[in-house]
Amino acid sequence: MIPHHRFDGPPDAPVVVLGPSLGTTLDLWEPQLAALTRTWRVLRYDLPGHGGSPAASGFTINDLAAGVLALLDRHGLAQGDRRVAYAGVSLGGAVGTALALRAPDRVASLVLCCTSARFGTAESWRERAALVRAEGTKPLVEATRSRWFTAGFPGAERYLDMLRGADPEGYAACCDALAAFDVRDRLGEVRAPTLVIAGAEDPATPPAHAEVLAEGIPDAALLVVPGAAHLATAERPDVVTEAIVRHLTTTTSRRTA
């Protein structure tokens, strides 16, 4: 399962892979592109049924991580002693955690933004999947607005349009994958230097979830971003971008892929 993807930045630069959240596309990372592409080759991808990726069903978070590995293999990246950095938001962060567990020798640095080792209850995700399969993503829009952003954030609609455009089956299948995801007992196996970022006002993956990640992953750093909800990369790009660039710069080298 190789997702729709695109590269930006210098072709000979070290690579950072950027994973999107449920309901968004690779364009979620546009606020970070200018800063990252100065020194990084940025690889962004779409989840199944989102953006340019076709819908799929019956996959797990580990399968999505395998798809990222297949994408790296296709482009000859992260092989031998050459590794990539990875940053992901929410579901994209879960993929990053799974990737770091599945292929630790291929991940040089990890950023987990507004994500969790376990997202709520399996029942709640299955209920959401059933709703979307029956009625599409439209019934989710207003509740998602209040999860993704603090009240009054002026740029919400462009991100909510990504949710409106998601394929119902692809979105629902991602919900099914999140229902089964739980790596709380494996966090100690993550070897990549890790930065955990949380939105101070995130109701979906609150700072307490970030604390579980930061306490479980050896030597992980934690940043709680004020004035941000679930899509902190979009709502507070000033703080988040600087933190990501600083972490990647200090934990990787030009020997990465």
C-alpha atoms as a PDB file:
ATOM      1  CA  MET A   1       0.000   0.000   0.000  1.00  0.00           C
ATOM      2  CA  ILE A   2       2.119   2.885  -1.317  1.00  0.00           C
ATOM      3  CA  PRO A   3       0.326   6.199  -0.658  1.00  0.00           C
ATOM      4  CA  HIS A   4       0.046   9.246  -2.873  1.00  0.00           C
ATOM      5  CA  HIS A   5       3.013  11.450  -2.013  1.00  0.00           C
ATOM      6  CA  ARG A   6       5.210  14.334  -3.084  1.00  0.00           C
ATOM      7  CA  PHE A   7       8.715  15.635  -2.509  1.00  0.00           C
ATOM      8  CA  ASP A   8       9.764  19.225  -1.887  1.00  0.00           C
ATOM      9  CA  GLY A   9      13.171  20.689  -1.182  1.00  0.00           C
ATOM     10  CA  PRO A  10      16.728  19.968  -2.353  1.00  0.00           C
ATOM     11  CA  PRO A  11      17.055  16.485  -3.895  1.00  0.00           C
ATOM     12  CA  ASP A  12      20.385  15.821  -2.199  1.00  0.00           C
ATOM     13  CA  ALA A  13      19.301  16.956   1.283  1.00  0.00           C
ATOM     14  CA  PRO A  14      18.508  14.639   4.204  1.00  0.00           C
ATOM     15  CA  VAL A  15      14.910  13.418   4.166  1.00  0.00           C
ATOM     16  CA  VAL A  16      12.114  14.111   6.628  1.00  0.00           C
ATOM     17  CA  VAL A  17       8.807  12.277   6.152  1.00  0.00           C
ATOM     18  CA  LEU A  18       5.659  14.126   7.252  1.00  0.00           C
ATOM     19  CA  GLY A  19       2.511  12.206   8.188  1.00  0.00           C
ATOM     20  CA  PRO A  20      -0.966  13.852   8.245  1.00  0.00           C
ATOM     21  CA  SER A  21      -3.804  13.490  10.707  1.00  0.00           C
ATOM     22  CA  LEU A  22      -7.082  11.693  10.166  1.00  0.00           C
ATOM     23  CA  GLY A  23      -9.302  13.876   7.967  1.00  0.00           C
ATOM     24  CA  THR A  24      -6.491  15.968   6.485  1.00  0.00           C
ATOM     25  CA  THR A  25      -4.197  15.706   3.477  1.00  0.00           C
ATOM     26  CA  LEU A  26      -0.494  16.249   2.943  1.00  0.00           C
ATOM     27  CA  ASP A  27      -1.326  19.974   2.688  1.00  0.00           C
ATOM     28  CA  LEU A  28      -1.673  19.976   6.485  1.00  0.00           C
ATOM     29  CA  TRP A  29       2.097  20.532   6.558  1.00  0.00           C
ATOM     30  CA  GLU A  30       2.195  23.609   4.300  1.00  0.00           C
ATOM     31  CA  PRO A  31       2.907  26.002   7.208  1.00  0.00           C
ATOM     32  CA  GLN A  32       6.157  24.106   7.882  1.00  0.00           C
ATOM     33  CA  LEU A  33       7.352  23.712   4.279  1.00  0.00           C
ATOM     34  CA  ALA A  34       9.289  26.934   3.841  1.00  0.00           C
ATOM     35  CA  ALA A  35      11.374  26.347   6.948  1.00  0.00           C
ATOM     36  CA  LEU A  36      11.949  22.636   6.407  1.00  0.00           C
ATOM     37  CA  THR A  37      12.833  22.789   2.730  1.00  0.00           C
ATOM     38  CA  ARG A  38      15.739  25.131   3.390  1.00  0.00           C
ATOM     39  CA  THR A  39      17.798  22.162   4.568  1.00  0.00           C
ATOM     40  CA  TRP A  40      15.592  19.091   4.164  1.00  0.00           C
ATOM     41  CA  ARG A  41      14.071  17.051   1.382  1.00  0.00           C
ATOM     42  CA  VAL A  42      10.477  16.841   2.552  1.00  0.00           C
ATOM     43  CA  LEU A  43       8.384  13.763   1.732  1.00  0.00           C
ATOM     44  CA  ARG A  44       4.657  14.132   2.451  1.00  0.00           C
ATOM     45  CA  TYR A  45       1.977  11.478   1.930  1.00  0.00           C
ATOM     46  CA  ASP A  46      -1.807  11.066   2.012  1.00  0.00           C
ATOM     47  CA  LEU A  47      -3.673   8.508   4.108  1.00  0.00           C
ATOM     48  CA  PRO A  48      -6.007   6.029   2.350  1.00  0.00           C
ATOM     49  CA  GLY A  49      -9.069   7.827   1.007  1.00  0.00           C
ATOM     50  CA  HIS A  50      -7.549  11.244   1.718  1.00  0.00           C
ATOM     51  CA  GLY A  51      -6.160  13.672  -0.844  1.00  0.00           C
ATOM     52  CA  GLY A  52      -4.714  11.708  -3.758  1.00  0.00           C
ATOM     53  CA  SER A  53      -4.569   8.272  -2.102  1.00  0.00           C
ATOM     54  CA  PRO A  54      -7.256   5.749  -3.114  1.00  0.00           C
ATOM     55  CA  ALA A  55      -9.536   4.372  -0.432  1.00  0.00           C
ATOM     56  CA  ALA A  56      -8.701   1.059   1.202  1.00  0.00           C
ATOM     57  CA  SER A  57     -10.078  -0.994   4.069  1.00  0.00           C
ATOM     58  CA  GLY A  58      -9.007  -3.683   6.497  1.00  0.00           C
ATOM     59  CA  PHE A  59      -5.616  -2.191   7.338  1.00  0.00           C
ATOM     60  CA  THR A  60      -3.895  -1.485  10.639  1.00  0.00           C
ATOM     61  CA  ILE A  61      -1.603   1.313  11.790  1.00  0.00           C
ATOM     62  CA  ASN A  62       1.255  -1.150  11.364  1.00  0.00           C
ATOM     63  CA  ASP A  63       0.153  -1.673   7.747  1.00  0.00           C
ATOM     64  CA  LEU A  64       0.324   2.088   7.188  1.00  0.00           C
ATOM     65  CA  ALA A  65       3.855   2.089   8.613  1.00  0.00           C
ATOM     66  CA  ALA A  66       4.713  -0.747   6.220  1.00  0.00           C
ATOM     67  CA  GLY A  67       3.361   1.425   3.399  1.00  0.00           C
ATOM     68  CA  VAL A  68       5.728   4.225   4.406  1.00  0.00           C
ATOM     69  CA  LEU A  69       8.617   1.736   4.394  1.00  0.00           C
ATOM     70  CA  ALA A  70       7.585   0.537   0.939  1.00  0.00           C
ATOM     71  CA  LEU A  71       7.533   4.165  -0.201  1.00  0.00           C
ATOM     72  CA  LEU A  72      11.047   4.691   1.147  1.00  0.00           C
ATOM     73  CA  ASP A  73      12.210   1.506  -0.587  1.00  0.00           C
ATOM     74  CA  ARG A  74      10.666   2.627  -3.848  1.00  0.00           C
ATOM     75  CA  HIS A  75      12.766   5.783  -3.752  1.00  0.00           C
ATOM     76  CA  GLY A  76      15.885   4.119  -2.378  1.00  0.00           C
ATOM     77  CA  LEU A  77      15.688   5.931   0.964  1.00  0.00           C
ATOM     78  CA  ALA A  78      16.613   4.905   4.522  1.00  0.00           C
ATOM     79  CA  GLN A  79      18.784   1.990   3.481  1.00  0.00           C
ATOM     80  CA  GLY A  80      22.062   0.840   4.982  1.00  0.00           C
ATOM     81  CA  ASP A  81      23.442   3.525   7.301  1.00  0.00           C
ATOM     82  CA  ARG A  82      21.253   6.211   5.731  1.00  0.00           C
ATOM     83  CA  ARG A  83      18.141   7.020   7.742  1.00  0.00           C
ATOM     84  CA  VAL A  84      15.221   9.441   7.549  1.00  0.00           C
ATOM     85  CA  ALA A  85      13.558  11.664  10.099  1.00  0.00           C
ATOM     86  CA  TYR A  86       9.795  11.385  10.620  1.00  0.00           C
ATOM     87  CA  ALA A  87       7.211  13.835  11.983  1.00  0.00           C
ATOM     88  CA  GLY A  88       3.503  13.053  12.245  1.00  0.00           C
ATOM     89  CA  VAL A  89       0.303  14.608  13.559  1.00  0.00           C
ATOM     90  CA  SER A  90      -2.313  12.491  15.348  1.00  0.00           C
ATOM     91  CA  LEU A  91      -2.845   9.356  13.213  1.00  0.00           C
ATOM     92  CA  GLY A  92       0.317  10.346  11.328  1.00  0.00           C
ATOM     93  CA  GLY A  93       2.117  10.353  14.666  1.00  0.00           C
ATOM     94  CA  ALA A  94       0.814   6.863  15.418  1.00  0.00           C
ATOM     95  CA  VAL A  95       2.249   5.745  12.077  1.00  0.00           C
ATOM     96  CA  GLY A  96       5.560   7.292  13.116  1.00  0.00           C
ATOM     97  CA  THR A  97       5.571   5.396  16.406  1.00  0.00           C
ATOM     98  CA  ALA A  98       4.767   2.155  14.585  1.00  0.00           C
ATOM     99  CA  LEU A  99       7.511   2.904  12.053  1.00  0.00           C
ATOM    100  CA  ALA A 100      10.078   3.509  14.801  1.00  0.00           C
ATOM    101  CA  LEU A 101       9.090   0.211  16.428  1.00  0.00           C
ATOM    102  CA  ARG A 102       9.004  -1.769  13.181  1.00  0.00           C
ATOM    103  CA  ALA A 103      12.211  -0.430  11.622  1.00  0.00           C
ATOM    104  CA  PRO A 104      14.317   1.284  14.309  1.00  0.00           C
ATOM    105  CA  ASP A 105      17.447   1.270  12.157  1.00  0.00           C
ATOM    106  CA  ARG A 106      15.730   3.394   9.505  1.00  0.00           C
ATOM    107  CA  VAL A 107      14.428   6.256  11.678  1.00  0.00           C
ATOM    108  CA  ALA A 108      17.009   8.857  12.725  1.00  0.00           C
ATOM    109  CA  SER A 109      14.668  11.226  14.549  1.00  0.00           C
ATOM    110  CA  LEU A 110      11.001  11.316  15.511  1.00  0.00           C
ATOM    111  CA  VAL A 111       8.461  14.080  16.176  1.00  0.00           C
ATOM    112  CA  LEU A 112       5.086  13.032  17.601  1.00  0.00           C
ATOM    113  CA  CYS A 113       2.606  15.909  17.431  1.00  0.00           C
ATOM    114  CA  CYS A 114      -0.855  15.874  19.037  1.00  0.00           C
ATOM    115  CA  THR A 115      -0.908  12.100  19.077  1.00  0.00           C
ATOM    116  CA  SER A 116      -1.182   9.209  21.479  1.00  0.00           C
ATOM    117  CA  ALA A 117      -0.122   5.677  22.277  1.00  0.00           C
ATOM    118  CA  ARG A 118      -3.825   4.847  22.574  1.00  0.00           C
ATOM    119  CA  PHE A 119      -6.660   6.980  21.133  1.00  0.00           C
ATOM    120  CA  GLY A 120      -9.786   6.719  23.254  1.00  0.00           C
ATOM    121  CA  THR A 121     -11.941   3.609  23.201  1.00  0.00           C
ATOM    122  CA  ALA A 122     -12.336   1.107  20.410  1.00  0.00           C
ATOM    123  CA  GLU A 123     -16.121   1.488  20.684  1.00  0.00           C
ATOM    124  CA  SER A 124     -16.017   5.245  20.028  1.00  0.00           C
ATOM    125  CA  TRP A 125     -13.936   4.746  16.869  1.00  0.00           C
ATOM    126  CA  ARG A 126     -16.207   1.990  15.590  1.00  0.00           C
ATOM    127  CA  GLU A 127     -19.235   4.212  16.177  1.00  0.00           C
ATOM    128  CA  ARG A 128     -17.607   7.013  14.196  1.00  0.00           C
ATOM    129  CA  ALA A 129     -16.686   4.604  11.410  1.00  0.00           C
ATOM    130  CA  ALA A 130     -20.279   3.393  11.208  1.00  0.00           C
ATOM    131  CA  LEU A 131     -21.605   6.967  11.075  1.00  0.00           C
ATOM    132  CA  VAL A 132     -19.247   7.948   8.257  1.00  0.00           C
ATOM    133  CA  ARG A 133     -20.005   4.818   6.246  1.00  0.00           C
ATOM    134  CA  ALA A 134     -23.705   5.640   6.538  1.00  0.00           C
ATOM    135  CA  GLU A 135     -23.672   9.433   6.107  1.00  0.00           C
ATOM    136  CA  GLY A 136     -20.209  10.523   4.966  1.00  0.00           C
ATOM    137  CA  THR A 137     -17.994  13.012   6.807  1.00  0.00           C
ATOM    138  CA  LYS A 138     -20.425  15.949   6.782  1.00  0.00           C
ATOM    139  CA  PRO A 139     -21.934  15.131  10.228  1.00  0.00           C
ATOM    140  CA  LEU A 140     -18.435  15.333  11.745  1.00  0.00           C
ATOM    141  CA  VAL A 141     -17.516  18.819  10.578  1.00  0.00           C
ATOM    142  CA  GLU A 142     -18.704  21.020  13.447  1.00  0.00           C
ATOM    143  CA  ALA A 143     -17.544  18.662  16.203  1.00  0.00           C
ATOM    144  CA  THR A 144     -14.212  18.372  14.428  1.00  0.00           C
ATOM    145  CA  ARG A 145     -13.868  22.153  14.260  1.00  0.00           C
ATOM    146  CA  SER A 146     -13.927  22.334  18.066  1.00  0.00           C
ATOM    147  CA  ARG A 147     -11.440  19.466  18.396  1.00  0.00           C
ATOM    148  CA  TRP A 148      -8.988  20.723  15.805  1.00  0.00           C
ATOM    149  CA  PHE A 149      -8.943  24.423  16.725  1.00  0.00           C
ATOM    150  CA  THR A 150      -9.501  26.817  19.583  1.00  0.00           C
ATOM    151  CA  ALA A 151     -12.528  29.107  19.303  1.00  0.00           C
ATOM    152  CA  GLY A 152     -12.181  31.827  16.710  1.00  0.00           C
ATOM    153  CA  PHE A 153      -9.213  30.414  14.776  1.00  0.00           C
ATOM    154  CA  PRO A 154      -9.617  32.174  11.388  1.00  0.00           C
ATOM    155  CA  GLY A 155      -8.027  29.541   9.151  1.00  0.00           C
ATOM    156  CA  ALA A 156     -10.242  26.578  10.019  1.00  0.00           C
ATOM    157  CA  GLU A 157     -12.206  26.200   6.781  1.00  0.00           C
ATOM    158  CA  ARG A 158      -9.309  25.176   4.528  1.00  0.00           C
ATOM    159  CA  TYR A 159      -8.589  22.263   6.877  1.00  0.00           C
ATOM    160  CA  LEU A 160     -12.236  21.335   7.336  1.00  0.00           C
ATOM    161  CA  ASP A 161     -12.518  21.211   3.536  1.00  0.00           C
ATOM    162  CA  MET A 162      -9.954  18.403   3.652  1.00  0.00           C
ATOM    163  CA  LEU A 163     -12.291  16.499   5.968  1.00  0.00           C
ATOM    164  CA  ARG A 164     -15.276  17.196   3.714  1.00  0.00           C
ATOM    165  CA  GLY A 165     -13.320  15.801   0.760  1.00  0.00           C
ATOM    166  CA  ALA A 166     -12.245  12.568   2.434  1.00  0.00           C
ATOM    167  CA  ASP A 167     -13.617   9.316   1.006  1.00  0.00           C
ATOM    168  CA  PRO A 168     -16.069   7.852   3.567  1.00  0.00           C
ATOM    169  CA  GLU A 169     -14.699   4.306   3.372  1.00  0.00           C
ATOM    170  CA  GLY A 170     -11.094   5.449   3.585  1.00  0.00           C
ATOM    171  CA  TYR A 171     -11.873   7.646   6.580  1.00  0.00           C
ATOM    172  CA  ALA A 172     -13.879   4.898   8.289  1.00  0.00           C
ATOM    173  CA  ALA A 173     -11.109   2.373   7.717  1.00  0.00           C
ATOM    174  CA  CYS A 174      -8.664   4.758   9.395  1.00  0.00           C
ATOM    175  CA  CYS A 175     -11.070   4.862  12.358  1.00  0.00           C
ATOM    176  CA  ASP A 176     -11.024   1.064  12.472  1.00  0.00           C
ATOM    177  CA  ALA A 177      -7.220   1.130  12.493  1.00  0.00           C
ATOM    178  CA  LEU A 178      -7.197   3.627  15.379  1.00  0.00           C
ATOM    179  CA  ALA A 179      -9.656   1.448  17.309  1.00  0.00           C
ATOM    180  CA  ALA A 180      -7.089  -1.360  17.350  1.00  0.00           C
ATOM    181  CA  PHE A 181      -4.009   0.776  18.034  1.00  0.00           C
ATOM    182  CA  ASP A 182      -2.343   0.476  21.447  1.00  0.00           C
ATOM    183  CA  VAL A 183       1.421   0.664  21.939  1.00  0.00           C
ATOM    184  CA  ARG A 184       1.487   1.819  25.548  1.00  0.00           C
ATOM    185  CA  ASP A 185       3.451  -1.251  26.599  1.00  0.00           C
ATOM    186  CA  ARG A 186       6.028  -0.825  23.804  1.00  0.00           C
ATOM    187  CA  LEU A 187       7.062   2.800  24.163  1.00  0.00           C
ATOM    188  CA  GLY A 188      10.300   1.814  25.871  1.00  0.00           C
ATOM    189  CA  GLU A 189      11.387   0.117  22.635  1.00  0.00           C
ATOM    190  CA  VAL A 190      11.478   3.366  20.637  1.00  0.00           C
ATOM    191  CA  ARG A 191      15.139   4.183  20.008  1.00  0.00           C
ATOM    192  CA  ALA A 192      14.879   7.313  17.858  1.00  0.00           C
ATOM    193  CA  PRO A 193      15.449  10.660  19.595  1.00  0.00           C
ATOM    194  CA  THR A 194      11.892  11.894  20.081  1.00  0.00           C
ATOM    195  CA  LEU A 195      10.140  15.225  20.526  1.00  0.00           C
ATOM    196  CA  VAL A 196       6.536  15.020  21.734  1.00  0.00           C
ATOM    197  CA  ILE A 197       4.365  18.072  21.048  1.00  0.00           C
ATOM    198  CA  ALA A 198       0.918  18.691  22.558  1.00  0.00           C
ATOM    199  CA  GLY A 199      -1.646  21.444  22.140  1.00  0.00           C
ATOM    200  CA  ALA A 200      -2.469  22.877  25.555  1.00  0.00           C
ATOM    201  CA  GLU A 201      -6.172  23.011  24.614  1.00  0.00           C
ATOM    202  CA  ASP A 202      -6.380  19.783  22.609  1.00  0.00           C
ATOM    203  CA  PRO A 203      -9.491  17.797  23.621  1.00  0.00           C
ATOM    204  CA  ALA A 204      -8.687  14.855  21.319  1.00  0.00           C
ATOM    205  CA  THR A 205      -5.154  14.050  22.485  1.00  0.00           C
ATOM    206  CA  PRO A 206      -4.686  16.268  25.543  1.00  0.00           C
ATOM    207  CA  PRO A 207      -1.328  16.946  27.185  1.00  0.00           C
ATOM    208  CA  ALA A 208      -1.856  13.930  29.453  1.00  0.00           C
ATOM    209  CA  HIS A 209      -1.558  11.703  26.365  1.00  0.00           C
ATOM    210  CA  ALA A 210       1.662  13.463  25.401  1.00  0.00           C
ATOM    211  CA  GLU A 211       3.003  12.904  28.909  1.00  0.00           C
ATOM    212  CA  VAL A 212       2.453   9.158  28.529  1.00  0.00           C
ATOM    213  CA  LEU A 213       4.493   9.210  25.325  1.00  0.00           C
ATOM    214  CA  ALA A 214       7.245  11.402  26.760  1.00  0.00           C
ATOM    215  CA  GLU A 215       7.535   9.354  29.938  1.00  0.00           C
ATOM    216  CA  GLY A 216       7.464   6.031  28.097  1.00  0.00           C
ATOM    217  CA  ILE A 217       9.926   6.804  25.288  1.00  0.00           C
ATOM    218  CA  PRO A 218      13.511   6.927  26.586  1.00  0.00           C
ATOM    219  CA  ASP A 219      14.878  10.483  26.840  1.00  0.00           C
ATOM    220  CA  ALA A 220      11.944  12.007  24.937  1.00  0.00           C
ATOM    221  CA  ALA A 221      11.396  15.761  25.179  1.00  0.00           C
ATOM    222  CA  LEU A 222       7.943  17.290  25.700  1.00  0.00           C
ATOM    223  CA  LEU A 223       6.607  20.620  24.444  1.00  0.00           C
ATOM    224  CA  VAL A 224       3.104  21.850  25.333  1.00  0.00           C
ATOM    225  CA  VAL A 225       2.013  24.625  22.960  1.00  0.00           C
ATOM    226  CA  PRO A 226      -0.251  27.334  24.401  1.00  0.00           C
ATOM    227  CA  GLY A 227      -3.195  28.560  22.369  1.00  0.00           C
ATOM    228  CA  ALA A 228      -3.452  25.407  20.291  1.00  0.00           C
ATOM    229  CA  ALA A 229      -5.897  22.530  20.043  1.00  0.00           C
ATOM    230  CA  HIS A 230      -5.461  19.318  18.014  1.00  0.00           C
ATOM    231  CA  LEU A 231      -3.932  20.744  14.823  1.00  0.00           C
ATOM    232  CA  ALA A 232      -1.159  22.665  16.543  1.00  0.00           C
ATOM    233  CA  THR A 233       0.941  22.622  13.361  1.00  0.00           C
ATOM    234  CA  ALA A 234      -1.746  24.764  11.708  1.00  0.00           C
ATOM    235  CA  GLU A 235      -2.830  26.901  14.641  1.00  0.00           C
ATOM    236  CA  ARG A 236       0.596  27.735  16.110  1.00  0.00           C
ATOM    237  CA  PRO A 237       3.084  27.174  13.270  1.00  0.00           C
ATOM    238  CA  ASP A 238       5.420  29.758  14.794  1.00  0.00           C
ATOM    239  CA  VAL A 239       6.079  27.661  17.888  1.00  0.00           C
ATOM    240  CA  VAL A 240       5.708  24.212  16.337  1.00  0.00           C
ATOM    241  CA  THR A 241       7.879  24.804  13.275  1.00  0.00           C
ATOM    242  CA  GLU A 242      10.729  26.224  15.322  1.00  0.00           C
ATOM    243  CA  ALA A 243      10.585  23.265  17.705  1.00  0.00           C
ATOM    244  CA  ILE A 244      10.571  20.716  14.890  1.00  0.00           C
ATOM    245  CA  VAL A 245      13.472  22.345  13.048  1.00  0.00           C
ATOM    246  CA  ARG A 246      15.498  22.579  16.249  1.00  0.00           C
ATOM    247  CA  HIS A 247      14.851  18.938  17.144  1.00  0.00           C
ATOM    248  CA  LEU A 248      15.657  17.606  13.671  1.00  0.00           C
ATOM    249  CA  THR A 249      18.787  19.713  13.422  1.00  0.00           C
ATOM    250  CA  THR A 250      20.164  18.569  16.756  1.00  0.00           C
ATOM    251  CA  THR A 251      19.295  14.872  16.430  1.00  0.00           C
ATOM    252  CA  THR A 252      20.248  14.064  12.842  1.00  0.00           C
ATOM    253  CA  SER A 253      23.176  14.661  10.536  1.00  0.00           C
ATOM    254  CA  ARG A 254      23.956  14.970   6.837  1.00  0.00           C
ATOM    255  CA  ARG A 255      24.460  11.203   6.804  1.00  0.00           C
ATOM    256  CA  THR A 256      20.702  10.707   6.799  1.00  0.00           C
ATOM    257  CA  ALA A 257      19.125   9.715   3.462  1.00  0.00           C
END
